[in-house]
Amino acid sequence: MPRFPLHPASGTGVYTQWHDKVIRLARYGCANRPFFHIVIMNPKVEQRKPPIEQLGTYDPSPNQFNEKLVSLNTERLLFWLGQKNVTVSENVEELLGLSGFLPIHPRTFIKAWRSRRKNDEEAAKAKLEEEQKAQEQTN
């Protein structure tokens, strides 16, 4: 890879106005410890090329407080979202919806409904088991 004056993750700053751009996640980190940069890239360009600009980071691994961390450069994000020829990937759209930057993505609601239903089923199952144990003890 050629030497750049900046780290490739920070972006080269070189872009052409007439091509479409996409805001997406670029995976960094180790094999079992992923870390993502929210970057703007040309969608047709080989993914090994450096991004145009880094707009934020996303750490999907929960920290000691069970939080997944996202940091955004809101000024640059507003600039790029204001461009006519920029699309946002679904994963980034979901993150921006959770952060309040965009409307909440429908997939977020689906995940919440499914997890709520799963928790309700587990609670009902645990309650049924407790009732069965109580009946066995009284017999």
Protein backbone atom coordinates (compact mmCIF):
# COMPACT_ATOMS: atom_id res chain seq x y z
CA MET A 1 0.00 0.00 0.00
CA PRO A 2 1.43 3.39 -0.89
CA ARG A 3 2.39 5.78 1.83
CA PHE A 4 -0.10 8.49 2.60
CA PRO A 5 0.52 11.64 4.60
CA LEU A 6 -2.32 10.57 6.92
CA HIS A 7 -3.45 7.21 8.24
CA PRO A 8 -5.74 5.64 5.62
CA ALA A 9 -8.62 5.48 8.12
CA SER A 10 -8.66 9.26 8.42
CA GLY A 11 -9.36 9.50 4.70
CA THR A 12 -7.51 10.95 1.79
CA GLY A 13 -9.86 13.87 1.24
CA VAL A 14 -9.76 13.17 -2.49
CA TYR A 15 -13.11 12.69 -4.16
CA THR A 16 -14.79 13.44 -7.43
CA GLN A 17 -18.00 15.42 -7.39
CA TRP A 18 -19.91 13.48 -10.05
CA HIS A 19 -19.68 9.96 -8.61
CA ASP A 20 -22.13 8.56 -6.08
CA LYS A 21 -20.86 8.13 -2.55
CA VAL A 22 -21.92 5.80 0.23
CA ILE A 23 -21.66 6.20 4.00
CA ARG A 24 -20.82 2.75 5.32
CA LEU A 25 -18.94 0.82 8.00
CA ALA A 26 -15.33 -0.14 7.40
CA ARG A 27 -14.16 -3.02 9.60
CA TYR A 28 -10.96 -2.65 11.56
CA GLY A 29 -9.70 -4.41 14.66
CA CYS A 30 -8.67 -8.01 15.28
CA ALA A 31 -10.32 -11.28 14.28
CA ASN A 32 -12.38 -11.66 17.45
CA ARG A 33 -12.56 -7.99 18.40
CA PRO A 34 -14.19 -5.99 15.59
CA PHE A 35 -14.13 -2.21 15.50
CA PHE A 36 -15.78 -0.15 12.78
CA HIS A 37 -15.12 3.24 11.26
CA ILE A 38 -18.05 5.13 9.74
CA VAL A 39 -16.58 6.32 6.46
CA ILE A 40 -17.59 7.85 3.14
CA MET A 41 -16.41 5.91 0.11
CA ASN A 42 -17.05 5.41 -3.57
CA PRO A 43 -19.27 2.30 -3.77
CA LYS A 44 -17.70 1.03 -6.99
CA VAL A 45 -14.10 1.34 -5.80
CA GLU A 46 -12.24 -1.63 -4.40
CA GLN A 47 -12.81 -1.78 -0.64
CA ARG A 48 -9.06 -1.89 0.10
CA LYS A 49 -8.65 1.68 -1.07
CA PRO A 50 -8.65 4.34 1.65
CA PRO A 51 -11.93 6.12 2.32
CA ILE A 52 -12.60 9.72 1.36
CA GLU A 53 -13.28 10.72 4.95
CA GLN A 54 -13.88 9.15 8.35
CA LEU A 55 -17.14 10.39 9.92
CA GLY A 56 -17.13 8.42 13.17
CA THR A 57 -16.46 5.13 14.94
CA TYR A 58 -18.56 2.25 16.28
CA ASP A 59 -17.45 -0.28 18.90
CA PRO A 60 -19.94 -3.19 18.92
CA SER A 61 -18.37 -4.93 21.93
CA PRO A 62 -20.10 -3.96 25.19
CA ASN A 63 -17.88 -2.18 27.70
CA GLN A 64 -17.92 -2.57 31.50
CA PHE A 65 -21.26 -0.70 31.67
CA ASN A 66 -22.78 -2.91 28.93
CA GLU A 67 -22.74 -0.03 26.43
CA LYS A 68 -21.84 -0.12 22.76
CA LEU A 69 -20.00 3.10 21.91
CA VAL A 70 -20.59 5.29 18.84
CA SER A 71 -18.87 8.57 18.12
CA LEU A 72 -19.89 10.83 15.24
CA ASN A 73 -18.49 13.94 13.63
CA THR A 74 -21.88 15.64 13.32
CA GLU A 75 -20.72 18.63 11.27
CA ARG A 76 -19.17 16.48 8.55
CA LEU A 77 -22.06 14.03 8.69
CA LEU A 78 -24.55 16.86 8.09
CA PHE A 79 -22.39 18.09 5.22
CA TRP A 80 -22.32 14.69 3.51
CA LEU A 81 -26.01 13.95 4.17
CA GLY A 82 -26.83 17.29 2.51
CA GLN A 83 -25.20 16.14 -0.74
CA LYS A 84 -27.61 14.84 -3.38
CA ASN A 85 -25.53 11.88 -4.49
CA VAL A 86 -24.88 10.22 -1.11
CA THR A 87 -26.55 7.02 0.09
CA VAL A 88 -26.41 5.52 3.57
CA SER A 89 -25.96 1.79 4.19
CA GLU A 90 -28.60 0.01 6.29
CA ASN A 91 -26.26 -0.62 9.23
CA VAL A 92 -25.22 3.02 9.41
CA GLU A 93 -28.83 4.09 8.93
CA GLU A 94 -29.79 1.98 11.94
CA LEU A 95 -26.98 3.49 14.06
CA LEU A 96 -27.93 7.03 13.04
CA GLY A 97 -31.57 6.28 13.85
CA LEU A 98 -30.67 5.08 17.33
CA SER A 99 -28.56 8.18 17.88
CA GLY A 100 -31.45 10.47 16.86
CA PHE A 101 -29.80 11.72 13.71
CA LEU A 102 -32.25 10.02 11.33
CA PRO A 103 -35.71 8.50 11.84
CA ILE A 104 -35.59 5.15 13.64
CA HIS A 105 -35.00 2.29 11.23
CA PRO A 106 -37.83 -0.32 11.05
CA ARG A 107 -35.35 -3.11 11.78
CA THR A 108 -34.78 -1.55 15.21
CA PHE A 109 -38.47 -1.95 16.02
CA ILE A 110 -38.46 -5.54 14.78
CA LYS A 111 -35.48 -6.42 17.01
CA ALA A 112 -37.16 -4.79 20.00
CA TRP A 113 -40.45 -6.66 19.41
CA ARG A 114 -38.65 -9.98 19.04
CA SER A 115 -36.53 -9.52 22.16
CA ARG A 116 -39.57 -8.37 24.16
CA ARG A 117 -41.55 -11.43 23.01
CA LYS A 118 -38.63 -13.71 23.87
CA ASN A 119 -38.32 -12.19 27.37
CA ASP A 120 -42.08 -12.57 27.94
CA GLU A 121 -41.95 -16.23 26.88
CA GLU A 122 -38.98 -16.91 29.17
CA ALA A 123 -40.76 -15.21 32.09
CA ALA A 124 -43.93 -17.24 31.46
CA LYS A 125 -41.88 -20.44 31.27
CA ALA A 126 -40.08 -19.64 34.54
CA LYS A 127 -43.40 -18.85 36.25
CA LEU A 128 -44.89 -22.15 35.04
CA GLU A 129 -41.87 -24.07 36.38
CA GLU A 130 -42.19 -22.33 39.77
CA GLU A 131 -45.87 -23.25 39.95
CA GLN A 132 -45.08 -26.88 39.12
CA LYS A 133 -42.40 -26.99 41.86
CA ALA A 134 -44.86 -25.49 44.36
CA GLN A 135 -47.47 -28.13 43.47
CA GLU A 136 -44.91 -30.93 43.86
CA GLN A 137 -43.92 -29.65 47.29
CA THR A 138 -47.54 -29.50 48.48
CA ASN A 139 -48.21 -33.08 47.31
